[in-house]
Amino acid sequence: MPQGLIIKGIGGFYYVKTEEGIVECRARGKFRNENITPLVGDMVTVSIHNNSNSLDKIHERKNQLIRPPVANVDQLIIVFAAVKPEPNLELLDKFLIVAELNNMDIAICINKIDLIEAPLIEGMFAPYKEAGFNIIYTSTKKDIGIEDLKLYLKDKVSVFSGPSGVGKSSLLNKLHPSFNMETGEISKKIERGKQTTRHTQLLELHEGGYVADTPGFSSLEYEAMKVDYEELDYLFPEFRDFLGQCKFTGCSHTKEPGCAVKNAVEEKQVNKRRYESYVRMYDDIKKLGRNYR
């Protein structure tokens, strides 16, 4: 029986890329009975029949995103605009937490850099670079950074995600013009992108690898993130050199005296705004009683 990769799922049909080509199939009823849903990115086994093909087996996943629903992701490309819409850095921090939770490599792609002076945008994202995140600056209008992005995507399964209106579909069109992704216009009144992406699918690159375009969204819910507040500190890479050095075991790094992380903030070894974002996340998640231990 052929094995392959689910590259698209829509209307109850799954499209699986195999060595024999693309196979359209439906999932067997056993998956519904076991409350299992095949996902784009799943490696699967299929059966070829005269009347209809069937998806018989889902191979073990290395990770799984809930929103967007994609499996076996190598890296997350978090796309934000330099302006129009203005970057929501707390939302960016939440995207980074999702990637860290799922053990994915991360790149932050800042699009529309032709609309702002370089020192301003580089200064805004300097704390992320200092924390060790890869940052790629792009402009689809000026063809800036597209080749750098292609190299980063080569031979990986990558998810493009981020708020609406930041230019994800335009970037995908630049990466591979035959994708012909529908692009939306920015509302001049509210400066939010119109929703253009209808479903999640994997798009194959000439250079090797796949990218997933996903529905744009502007918020992430902690319920979907499944964050443990007692482990949130490990999801901020710039904190890690200071963890275990606090005066009190189990320090939350919010109010306790003798906190190594707070001291690092005061000494400007950790960015103050990122630290404040951590504190707000910690308090919000703790109020929800989220502890997965």
C-alpha atoms as a PDB file:
ATOM      1  CA  MET A   1       0.000   0.000   0.000  1.00  0.00           C
ATOM      2  CA  PRO A   2       1.397   3.447  -0.912  1.00  0.00           C
ATOM      3  CA  GLN A   3       2.631   5.826   1.740  1.00  0.00           C
ATOM      4  CA  GLY A   4       2.709   9.560   1.428  1.00  0.00           C
ATOM      5  CA  LEU A   5       2.203  13.033   2.823  1.00  0.00           C
ATOM      6  CA  ILE A   6      -1.160  14.769   3.239  1.00  0.00           C
ATOM      7  CA  ILE A   7      -0.724  18.070   1.413  1.00  0.00           C
ATOM      8  CA  LYS A   8      -4.356  19.237   1.542  1.00  0.00           C
ATOM      9  CA  GLY A   9      -7.594  18.361   3.285  1.00  0.00           C
ATOM     10  CA  ILE A  10     -10.893  19.901   2.255  1.00  0.00           C
ATOM     11  CA  GLY A  11     -14.533  18.838   2.325  1.00  0.00           C
ATOM     12  CA  GLY A  12     -13.776  15.427   3.840  1.00  0.00           C
ATOM     13  CA  PHE A  13     -11.252  14.577   1.114  1.00  0.00           C
ATOM     14  CA  TYR A  14      -7.518  14.254   1.702  1.00  0.00           C
ATOM     15  CA  TYR A  15      -4.897  14.702  -1.000  1.00  0.00           C
ATOM     16  CA  VAL A  16      -1.819  12.565  -0.386  1.00  0.00           C
ATOM     17  CA  LYS A  17       1.441  12.958  -2.291  1.00  0.00           C
ATOM     18  CA  THR A  18       2.907   9.503  -2.967  1.00  0.00           C
ATOM     19  CA  GLU A  19       5.610   8.194  -5.296  1.00  0.00           C
ATOM     20  CA  GLU A  20       2.791   7.318  -7.702  1.00  0.00           C
ATOM     21  CA  GLY A  21       1.420  10.868  -7.659  1.00  0.00           C
ATOM     22  CA  ILE A  22      -1.364  12.678  -5.793  1.00  0.00           C
ATOM     23  CA  VAL A  23      -4.020  10.340  -4.378  1.00  0.00           C
ATOM     24  CA  GLU A  24      -7.452  11.697  -3.435  1.00  0.00           C
ATOM     25  CA  CYS A  25      -8.969   9.665  -0.622  1.00  0.00           C
ATOM     26  CA  ARG A  26     -11.324   9.626   2.328  1.00  0.00           C
ATOM     27  CA  ALA A  27     -10.360   8.581   5.847  1.00  0.00           C
ATOM     28  CA  ARG A  28     -11.662   5.250   7.103  1.00  0.00           C
ATOM     29  CA  GLY A  29     -14.499   5.359   9.608  1.00  0.00           C
ATOM     30  CA  LYS A  30     -12.262   3.974  12.351  1.00  0.00           C
ATOM     31  CA  PHE A  31     -10.585   7.373  12.708  1.00  0.00           C
ATOM     32  CA  ARG A  32     -13.922   9.056  13.406  1.00  0.00           C
ATOM     33  CA  ASN A  33     -14.831   6.313  15.878  1.00  0.00           C
ATOM     34  CA  GLU A  34     -11.498   6.857  17.677  1.00  0.00           C
ATOM     35  CA  ASN A  35     -11.923  10.655  17.542  1.00  0.00           C
ATOM     36  CA  ILE A  36      -8.798  11.047  15.398  1.00  0.00           C
ATOM     37  CA  THR A  37      -8.633  13.599  12.596  1.00  0.00           C
ATOM     38  CA  PRO A  38      -6.007  13.324   9.845  1.00  0.00           C
ATOM     39  CA  LEU A  39      -4.021  16.541   9.476  1.00  0.00           C
ATOM     40  CA  VAL A  40      -2.135  18.242   6.708  1.00  0.00           C
ATOM     41  CA  GLY A  41       1.495  17.206   7.235  1.00  0.00           C
ATOM     42  CA  ASP A  42       0.629  13.669   8.379  1.00  0.00           C
ATOM     43  CA  MET A  43       2.560  10.779   6.881  1.00  0.00           C
ATOM     44  CA  VAL A  44      -0.072   8.167   6.017  1.00  0.00           C
ATOM     45  CA  THR A  45      -0.704   4.840   4.332  1.00  0.00           C
ATOM     46  CA  VAL A  46      -3.455   4.697   1.705  1.00  0.00           C
ATOM     47  CA  SER A  47      -5.278   2.005  -0.264  1.00  0.00           C
ATOM     48  CA  ILE A  48      -6.054   2.413  -3.957  1.00  0.00           C
ATOM     49  CA  HIS A  49      -9.510   1.156  -5.038  1.00  0.00           C
ATOM     50  CA  ASN A  50     -11.510   1.314  -8.247  1.00  0.00           C
ATOM     51  CA  ASN A  51     -14.390   3.345  -6.838  1.00  0.00           C
ATOM     52  CA  SER A  52     -12.721   5.337  -4.048  1.00  0.00           C
ATOM     53  CA  ASN A  53      -9.377   5.415  -2.261  1.00  0.00           C
ATOM     54  CA  SER A  54      -9.018   5.196   1.498  1.00  0.00           C
ATOM     55  CA  LEU A  55      -6.666   6.630   4.090  1.00  0.00           C
ATOM     56  CA  ASP A  56      -5.834   3.597   6.259  1.00  0.00           C
ATOM     57  CA  LYS A  57      -3.095   4.588   8.716  1.00  0.00           C
ATOM     58  CA  ILE A  58      -1.663   7.750  10.248  1.00  0.00           C
ATOM     59  CA  HIS A  59       2.005   7.376  11.170  1.00  0.00           C
ATOM     60  CA  GLU A  60       3.338   8.699  14.477  1.00  0.00           C
ATOM     61  CA  ARG A  61       3.509  12.495  14.654  1.00  0.00           C
ATOM     62  CA  LYS A  62       6.529  14.380  15.986  1.00  0.00           C
ATOM     63  CA  ASN A  63       4.360  17.402  16.775  1.00  0.00           C
ATOM     64  CA  GLN A  64       0.927  18.837  16.114  1.00  0.00           C
ATOM     65  CA  LEU A  65      -0.450  22.349  16.019  1.00  0.00           C
ATOM     66  CA  ILE A  66      -4.057  22.913  17.052  1.00  0.00           C
ATOM     67  CA  ARG A  67      -4.474  26.247  15.343  1.00  0.00           C
ATOM     68  CA  PRO A  68      -3.539  26.010  12.529  1.00  0.00           C
ATOM     69  CA  PRO A  69      -4.169  22.228  12.321  1.00  0.00           C
ATOM     70  CA  VAL A  70      -0.853  20.954  10.896  1.00  0.00           C
ATOM     71  CA  ALA A  71       1.347  17.990  11.879  1.00  0.00           C
ATOM     72  CA  ASN A  72       5.068  17.236  11.657  1.00  0.00           C
ATOM     73  CA  VAL A  73       6.206  20.834  11.323  1.00  0.00           C
ATOM     74  CA  ASP A  74       9.962  21.491  11.217  1.00  0.00           C
ATOM     75  CA  GLN A  75       9.815  25.237  11.658  1.00  0.00           C
ATOM     76  CA  LEU A  76       7.448  28.115  12.197  1.00  0.00           C
ATOM     77  CA  ILE A  77       7.827  31.265  10.106  1.00  0.00           C
ATOM     78  CA  ILE A  78       6.093  33.989  12.091  1.00  0.00           C
ATOM     79  CA  VAL A  79       5.228  36.814   9.703  1.00  0.00           C
ATOM     80  CA  PHE A  80       4.610  40.328  10.994  1.00  0.00           C
ATOM     81  CA  ALA A  81       4.510  43.608   9.099  1.00  0.00           C
ATOM     82  CA  ALA A  82       6.888  46.433   9.894  1.00  0.00           C
ATOM     83  CA  VAL A  83       3.867  48.754   9.615  1.00  0.00           C
ATOM     84  CA  LYS A  84       0.282  48.582   8.326  1.00  0.00           C
ATOM     85  CA  PRO A  85      -0.666  46.877  10.585  1.00  0.00           C
ATOM     86  CA  GLU A  86       1.623  48.003  13.392  1.00  0.00           C
ATOM     87  CA  PRO A  87       3.418  45.044  15.039  1.00  0.00           C
ATOM     88  CA  ASN A  88       1.686  43.662  18.135  1.00  0.00           C
ATOM     89  CA  LEU A  89       4.732  42.437  20.052  1.00  0.00           C
ATOM     90  CA  GLU A  90       2.748  40.685  22.778  1.00  0.00           C
ATOM     91  CA  LEU A  91       1.019  38.655  20.091  1.00  0.00           C
ATOM     92  CA  LEU A  92       4.435  37.864  18.610  1.00  0.00           C
ATOM     93  CA  ASP A  93       5.540  36.614  22.042  1.00  0.00           C
ATOM     94  CA  LYS A  94       2.544  34.238  22.084  1.00  0.00           C
ATOM     95  CA  PHE A  95       3.427  32.875  18.650  1.00  0.00           C
ATOM     96  CA  LEU A  96       6.963  32.240  19.895  1.00  0.00           C
ATOM     97  CA  ILE A  97       5.599  30.350  22.907  1.00  0.00           C
ATOM     98  CA  VAL A  98       3.556  28.082  20.589  1.00  0.00           C
ATOM     99  CA  ALA A  99       6.683  27.260  18.574  1.00  0.00           C
ATOM    100  CA  GLU A 100       8.787  26.602  21.685  1.00  0.00           C
ATOM    101  CA  LEU A 101       6.064  24.328  23.102  1.00  0.00           C
ATOM    102  CA  ASN A 102       6.112  22.241  19.927  1.00  0.00           C
ATOM    103  CA  ASN A 103       9.918  22.039  19.676  1.00  0.00           C
ATOM    104  CA  MET A 104       9.997  23.778  16.320  1.00  0.00           C
ATOM    105  CA  ASP A 105      12.730  25.945  14.877  1.00  0.00           C
ATOM    106  CA  ILE A 106      11.616  29.547  14.589  1.00  0.00           C
ATOM    107  CA  ALA A 107      12.195  32.451  12.232  1.00  0.00           C
ATOM    108  CA  ILE A 108      10.580  35.854  12.572  1.00  0.00           C
ATOM    109  CA  CYS A 109       9.888  37.345   9.153  1.00  0.00           C
ATOM    110  CA  ILE A 110       9.312  41.102   9.128  1.00  0.00           C
ATOM    111  CA  ASN A 111       7.604  42.082   5.892  1.00  0.00           C
ATOM    112  CA  LYS A 112       6.889  45.494   4.313  1.00  0.00           C
ATOM    113  CA  ILE A 113      10.249  46.902   5.390  1.00  0.00           C
ATOM    114  CA  ASP A 114      10.139  49.263   2.412  1.00  0.00           C
ATOM    115  CA  LEU A 115       7.574  51.321   4.359  1.00  0.00           C
ATOM    116  CA  ILE A 116       9.827  52.226   7.300  1.00  0.00           C
ATOM    117  CA  GLU A 117      13.428  53.284   7.915  1.00  0.00           C
ATOM    118  CA  ALA A 118      15.693  50.304   8.616  1.00  0.00           C
ATOM    119  CA  PRO A 119      17.115  51.531  11.967  1.00  0.00           C
ATOM    120  CA  LEU A 120      13.609  51.896  13.408  1.00  0.00           C
ATOM    121  CA  ILE A 121      12.474  48.379  12.560  1.00  0.00           C
ATOM    122  CA  GLU A 122      15.819  46.795  13.489  1.00  0.00           C
ATOM    123  CA  GLY A 123      15.707  48.544  16.855  1.00  0.00           C
ATOM    124  CA  MET A 124      12.186  47.278  17.509  1.00  0.00           C
ATOM    125  CA  PHE A 125      13.187  43.659  16.929  1.00  0.00           C
ATOM    126  CA  ALA A 126      16.708  43.811  18.410  1.00  0.00           C
ATOM    127  CA  PRO A 127      15.572  42.110  21.657  1.00  0.00           C
ATOM    128  CA  TYR A 128      14.429  39.070  19.662  1.00  0.00           C
ATOM    129  CA  LYS A 129      17.731  38.856  17.817  1.00  0.00           C
ATOM    130  CA  GLU A 130      19.574  39.154  21.144  1.00  0.00           C
ATOM    131  CA  ALA A 131      17.405  36.319  22.518  1.00  0.00           C
ATOM    132  CA  GLY A 132      18.653  34.093  19.688  1.00  0.00           C
ATOM    133  CA  PHE A 133      15.726  34.171  17.272  1.00  0.00           C
ATOM    134  CA  ASN A 134      16.402  34.217  13.535  1.00  0.00           C
ATOM    135  CA  ILE A 135      14.994  37.341  11.885  1.00  0.00           C
ATOM    136  CA  ILE A 136      14.468  37.759   8.149  1.00  0.00           C
ATOM    137  CA  TYR A 137      13.559  41.170   6.749  1.00  0.00           C
ATOM    138  CA  THR A 138      11.509  41.165   3.540  1.00  0.00           C
ATOM    139  CA  SER A 139       9.630  43.352   1.121  1.00  0.00           C
ATOM    140  CA  THR A 140       7.497  41.815  -1.585  1.00  0.00           C
ATOM    141  CA  LYS A 141       7.214  45.227  -3.259  1.00  0.00           C
ATOM    142  CA  LYS A 142      10.994  45.682  -3.531  1.00  0.00           C
ATOM    143  CA  ASP A 143      12.007  41.979  -3.717  1.00  0.00           C
ATOM    144  CA  ILE A 144      14.102  42.313  -0.571  1.00  0.00           C
ATOM    145  CA  GLY A 145      15.025  39.226   1.458  1.00  0.00           C
ATOM    146  CA  ILE A 146      13.155  36.714  -0.726  1.00  0.00           C
ATOM    147  CA  GLU A 147      16.267  34.679  -1.569  1.00  0.00           C
ATOM    148  CA  ASP A 148      17.256  34.598   2.116  1.00  0.00           C
ATOM    149  CA  LEU A 149      13.800  33.262   2.944  1.00  0.00           C
ATOM    150  CA  LYS A 150      14.068  30.569   0.252  1.00  0.00           C
ATOM    151  CA  LEU A 151      17.335  29.325   1.725  1.00  0.00           C
ATOM    152  CA  TYR A 152      15.786  29.153   5.180  1.00  0.00           C
ATOM    153  CA  LEU A 153      12.851  27.091   3.880  1.00  0.00           C
ATOM    154  CA  LYS A 154      14.888  24.596   1.843  1.00  0.00           C
ATOM    155  CA  ASP A 155      14.129  20.919   2.613  1.00  0.00           C
ATOM    156  CA  LYS A 156      11.933  21.733   5.621  1.00  0.00           C
ATOM    157  CA  VAL A 157       8.202  21.608   6.357  1.00  0.00           C
ATOM    158  CA  SER A 158       7.465  25.178   7.360  1.00  0.00           C
ATOM    159  CA  VAL A 159       4.313  26.838   8.614  1.00  0.00           C
ATOM    160  CA  PHE A 160       3.651  30.450   7.702  1.00  0.00           C
ATOM    161  CA  SER A 161       1.556  32.062  10.377  1.00  0.00           C
ATOM    162  CA  GLY A 162       0.805  35.469  11.770  1.00  0.00           C
ATOM    163  CA  PRO A 163      -1.908  38.103  11.926  1.00  0.00           C
ATOM    164  CA  SER A 164      -4.078  38.992   8.955  1.00  0.00           C
ATOM    165  CA  GLY A 165      -2.841  41.640   6.578  1.00  0.00           C
ATOM    166  CA  VAL A 166       0.909  41.195   7.067  1.00  0.00           C
ATOM    167  CA  GLY A 167       1.506  39.788   3.580  1.00  0.00           C
ATOM    168  CA  LYS A 168       1.798  36.014   4.053  1.00  0.00           C
ATOM    169  CA  SER A 169       0.081  35.217   0.758  1.00  0.00           C
ATOM    170  CA  SER A 170       2.131  37.836  -1.092  1.00  0.00           C
ATOM    171  CA  LEU A 171       5.316  36.270   0.288  1.00  0.00           C
ATOM    172  CA  LEU A 172       4.211  32.828  -0.851  1.00  0.00           C
ATOM    173  CA  ASN A 173       3.528  34.185  -4.332  1.00  0.00           C
ATOM    174  CA  LYS A 174       7.081  35.540  -4.402  1.00  0.00           C
ATOM    175  CA  LEU A 175       8.515  32.225  -3.262  1.00  0.00           C
ATOM    176  CA  HIS A 176       6.740  30.371  -6.045  1.00  0.00           C
ATOM    177  CA  PRO A 177       4.580  32.382  -8.496  1.00  0.00           C
ATOM    178  CA  SER A 178       2.590  29.308  -9.519  1.00  0.00           C
ATOM    179  CA  PHE A 179       1.094  29.173  -6.025  1.00  0.00           C
ATOM    180  CA  ASN A 180      -1.200  32.022  -7.124  1.00  0.00           C
ATOM    181  CA  MET A 181      -2.336  32.602  -3.582  1.00  0.00           C
ATOM    182  CA  GLU A 182      -5.216  35.041  -3.279  1.00  0.00           C
ATOM    183  CA  THR A 183      -4.049  38.290  -1.724  1.00  0.00           C
ATOM    184  CA  GLY A 184      -6.204  40.734   0.171  1.00  0.00           C
ATOM    185  CA  GLU A 185      -6.260  44.482   0.475  1.00  0.00           C
ATOM    186  CA  ILE A 186      -5.760  46.269   3.756  1.00  0.00           C
ATOM    187  CA  SER A 187      -8.783  48.096   5.094  1.00  0.00           C
ATOM    188  CA  LYS A 188      -7.784  51.757   5.256  1.00  0.00           C
ATOM    189  CA  LYS A 189     -10.171  52.374   8.133  1.00  0.00           C
ATOM    190  CA  ILE A 190      -9.216  49.614  10.542  1.00  0.00           C
ATOM    191  CA  GLU A 191      -5.859  48.556   9.043  1.00  0.00           C
ATOM    192  CA  ARG A 192      -6.627  44.871   9.332  1.00  0.00           C
ATOM    193  CA  GLY A 193      -6.304  42.393   6.529  1.00  0.00           C
ATOM    194  CA  LYS A 194      -9.351  40.818   4.997  1.00  0.00           C
ATOM    195  CA  GLN A 195      -9.400  37.055   5.489  1.00  0.00           C
ATOM    196  CA  THR A 196      -8.157  35.493   2.257  1.00  0.00           C
ATOM    197  CA  THR A 197      -6.913  31.967   3.068  1.00  0.00           C
ATOM    198  CA  ARG A 198      -9.678  29.369   3.031  1.00  0.00           C
ATOM    199  CA  HIS A 199      -7.928  26.190   4.167  1.00  0.00           C
ATOM    200  CA  THR A 200      -4.531  24.859   5.175  1.00  0.00           C
ATOM    201  CA  GLN A 201      -2.394  23.164   2.570  1.00  0.00           C
ATOM    202  CA  LEU A 202       1.252  22.300   1.967  1.00  0.00           C
ATOM    203  CA  LEU A 203       2.837  23.958  -1.052  1.00  0.00           C
ATOM    204  CA  GLU A 204       5.953  22.391  -2.579  1.00  0.00           C
ATOM    205  CA  LEU A 205       8.978  24.571  -3.275  1.00  0.00           C
ATOM    206  CA  HIS A 206      11.279  24.182  -6.297  1.00  0.00           C
ATOM    207  CA  GLU A 207      14.277  24.271  -3.944  1.00  0.00           C
ATOM    208  CA  GLY A 208      12.853  21.408  -1.871  1.00  0.00           C
ATOM    209  CA  GLY A 209      10.582  21.419   1.144  1.00  0.00           C
ATOM    210  CA  TYR A 210       7.026  22.548   1.784  1.00  0.00           C
ATOM    211  CA  VAL A 211       5.380  25.619   3.196  1.00  0.00           C
ATOM    212  CA  ALA A 212       1.942  25.786   4.739  1.00  0.00           C
ATOM    213  CA  ASP A 213      -0.235  28.819   4.351  1.00  0.00           C
ATOM    214  CA  THR A 214      -2.743  29.095   7.155  1.00  0.00           C
ATOM    215  CA  PRO A 215      -5.809  31.223   7.870  1.00  0.00           C
ATOM    216  CA  GLY A 216      -4.815  34.603   9.239  1.00  0.00           C
ATOM    217  CA  PHE A 217      -5.747  35.367  12.803  1.00  0.00           C
ATOM    218  CA  SER A 218      -4.995  38.127  15.273  1.00  0.00           C
ATOM    219  CA  SER A 219      -5.165  36.403  18.653  1.00  0.00           C
ATOM    220  CA  LEU A 220      -4.100  33.224  20.389  1.00  0.00           C
ATOM    221  CA  GLU A 221      -6.011  31.777  23.304  1.00  0.00           C
ATOM    222  CA  TYR A 222      -4.151  30.294  26.267  1.00  0.00           C
ATOM    223  CA  GLU A 223      -6.684  27.433  26.284  1.00  0.00           C
ATOM    224  CA  ALA A 224      -5.423  26.393  22.844  1.00  0.00           C
ATOM    225  CA  MET A 225      -1.766  26.999  23.728  1.00  0.00           C
ATOM    226  CA  LYS A 226      -1.781  24.482  26.635  1.00  0.00           C
ATOM    227  CA  VAL A 227       0.866  26.394  28.539  1.00  0.00           C
ATOM    228  CA  ASP A 228       1.943  25.355  32.035  1.00  0.00           C
ATOM    229  CA  TYR A 229       2.608  28.545  33.999  1.00  0.00           C
ATOM    230  CA  GLU A 230       5.297  26.787  36.047  1.00  0.00           C
ATOM    231  CA  GLU A 231       7.253  26.034  32.866  1.00  0.00           C
ATOM    232  CA  LEU A 232       6.646  29.306  31.051  1.00  0.00           C
ATOM    233  CA  ASP A 233      10.087  30.640  31.985  1.00  0.00           C
ATOM    234  CA  TYR A 234      11.804  27.906  29.956  1.00  0.00           C
ATOM    235  CA  LEU A 235       9.913  29.096  26.873  1.00  0.00           C
ATOM    236  CA  PHE A 236      11.720  32.446  26.979  1.00  0.00           C
ATOM    237  CA  PRO A 237      15.213  31.571  25.644  1.00  0.00           C
ATOM    238  CA  GLU A 238      16.860  34.691  27.081  1.00  0.00           C
ATOM    239  CA  PHE A 239      15.910  33.550  30.618  1.00  0.00           C
ATOM    240  CA  ARG A 240      17.625  30.181  30.427  1.00  0.00           C
ATOM    241  CA  ASP A 241      21.129  31.269  31.463  1.00  0.00           C
ATOM    242  CA  PHE A 242      19.673  32.607  34.720  1.00  0.00           C
ATOM    243  CA  LEU A 243      17.274  29.834  35.681  1.00  0.00           C
ATOM    244  CA  GLY A 244      18.295  27.864  38.748  1.00  0.00           C
ATOM    245  CA  GLN A 245      20.267  30.820  40.117  1.00  0.00           C
ATOM    246  CA  CYS A 246      17.417  32.432  42.062  1.00  0.00           C
ATOM    247  CA  LYS A 247      17.400  32.629  45.865  1.00  0.00           C
ATOM    248  CA  PHE A 248      14.219  30.564  46.158  1.00  0.00           C
ATOM    249  CA  THR A 249      13.530  27.185  44.543  1.00  0.00           C
ATOM    250  CA  GLY A 250      10.521  27.394  42.258  1.00  0.00           C
ATOM    251  CA  CYS A 251      10.914  31.149  41.782  1.00  0.00           C
ATOM    252  CA  SER A 252       8.235  32.518  39.469  1.00  0.00           C
ATOM    253  CA  HIS A 253      10.447  35.510  38.529  1.00  0.00           C
ATOM    254  CA  THR A 254       7.560  37.870  39.178  1.00  0.00           C
ATOM    255  CA  LYS A 255       7.641  39.099  42.804  1.00  0.00           C
ATOM    256  CA  GLU A 256      10.251  37.120  44.714  1.00  0.00           C
ATOM    257  CA  PRO A 257      13.398  38.793  46.096  1.00  0.00           C
ATOM    258  CA  GLY A 258      16.772  37.493  45.000  1.00  0.00           C
ATOM    259  CA  CYS A 259      15.495  36.577  41.518  1.00  0.00           C
ATOM    260  CA  ALA A 260      18.283  36.085  38.975  1.00  0.00           C
ATOM    261  CA  VAL A 261      15.970  36.855  36.046  1.00  0.00           C
ATOM    262  CA  LYS A 262      14.798  40.136  37.599  1.00  0.00           C
ATOM    263  CA  ASN A 263      18.415  41.045  38.304  1.00  0.00           C
ATOM    264  CA  ALA A 264      19.257  40.315  34.654  1.00  0.00           C
ATOM    265  CA  VAL A 265      16.485  42.693  33.587  1.00  0.00           C
ATOM    266  CA  GLU A 266      17.866  45.431  35.850  1.00  0.00           C
ATOM    267  CA  GLU A 267      21.343  44.869  34.408  1.00  0.00           C
ATOM    268  CA  LYS A 268      19.888  44.993  30.866  1.00  0.00           C
ATOM    269  CA  GLN A 269      20.926  41.434  30.102  1.00  0.00           C
ATOM    270  CA  VAL A 270      17.248  40.613  29.495  1.00  0.00           C
ATOM    271  CA  ASN A 271      14.948  43.004  27.640  1.00  0.00           C
ATOM    272  CA  LYS A 272      12.507  44.751  29.982  1.00  0.00           C
ATOM    273  CA  ARG A 273       9.560  44.662  27.570  1.00  0.00           C
ATOM    274  CA  ARG A 274       9.982  40.934  26.970  1.00  0.00           C
ATOM    275  CA  TYR A 275      10.172  40.362  30.717  1.00  0.00           C
ATOM    276  CA  GLU A 276       6.974  42.376  31.260  1.00  0.00           C
ATOM    277  CA  SER A 277       5.286  40.281  28.563  1.00  0.00           C
ATOM    278  CA  TYR A 278       6.347  37.144  30.479  1.00  0.00           C
ATOM    279  CA  VAL A 279       4.873  38.481  33.729  1.00  0.00           C
ATOM    280  CA  ARG A 280       1.523  39.247  32.074  1.00  0.00           C
ATOM    281  CA  MET A 281       1.415  35.787  30.489  1.00  0.00           C
ATOM    282  CA  TYR A 282       2.334  34.132  33.788  1.00  0.00           C
ATOM    283  CA  ASP A 283      -0.403  35.981  35.686  1.00  0.00           C
ATOM    284  CA  ASP A 284      -3.033  35.305  33.006  1.00  0.00           C
ATOM    285  CA  ILE A 285      -2.246  31.591  32.770  1.00  0.00           C
ATOM    286  CA  LYS A 286      -2.085  31.169  36.537  1.00  0.00           C
ATOM    287  CA  LYS A 287      -5.556  32.728  36.861  1.00  0.00           C
ATOM    288  CA  LEU A 288      -6.788  30.008  34.519  1.00  0.00           C
ATOM    289  CA  GLY A 289      -5.228  27.371  36.792  1.00  0.00           C
ATOM    290  CA  ARG A 290      -3.232  25.956  33.924  1.00  0.00           C
ATOM    291  CA  ASN A 291      -0.774  23.387  35.264  1.00  0.00           C
ATOM    292  CA  TYR A 292      -0.192  20.233  33.193  1.00  0.00           C
ATOM    293  CA  ARG A 293       2.149  18.467  35.602  1.00  0.00           C
END
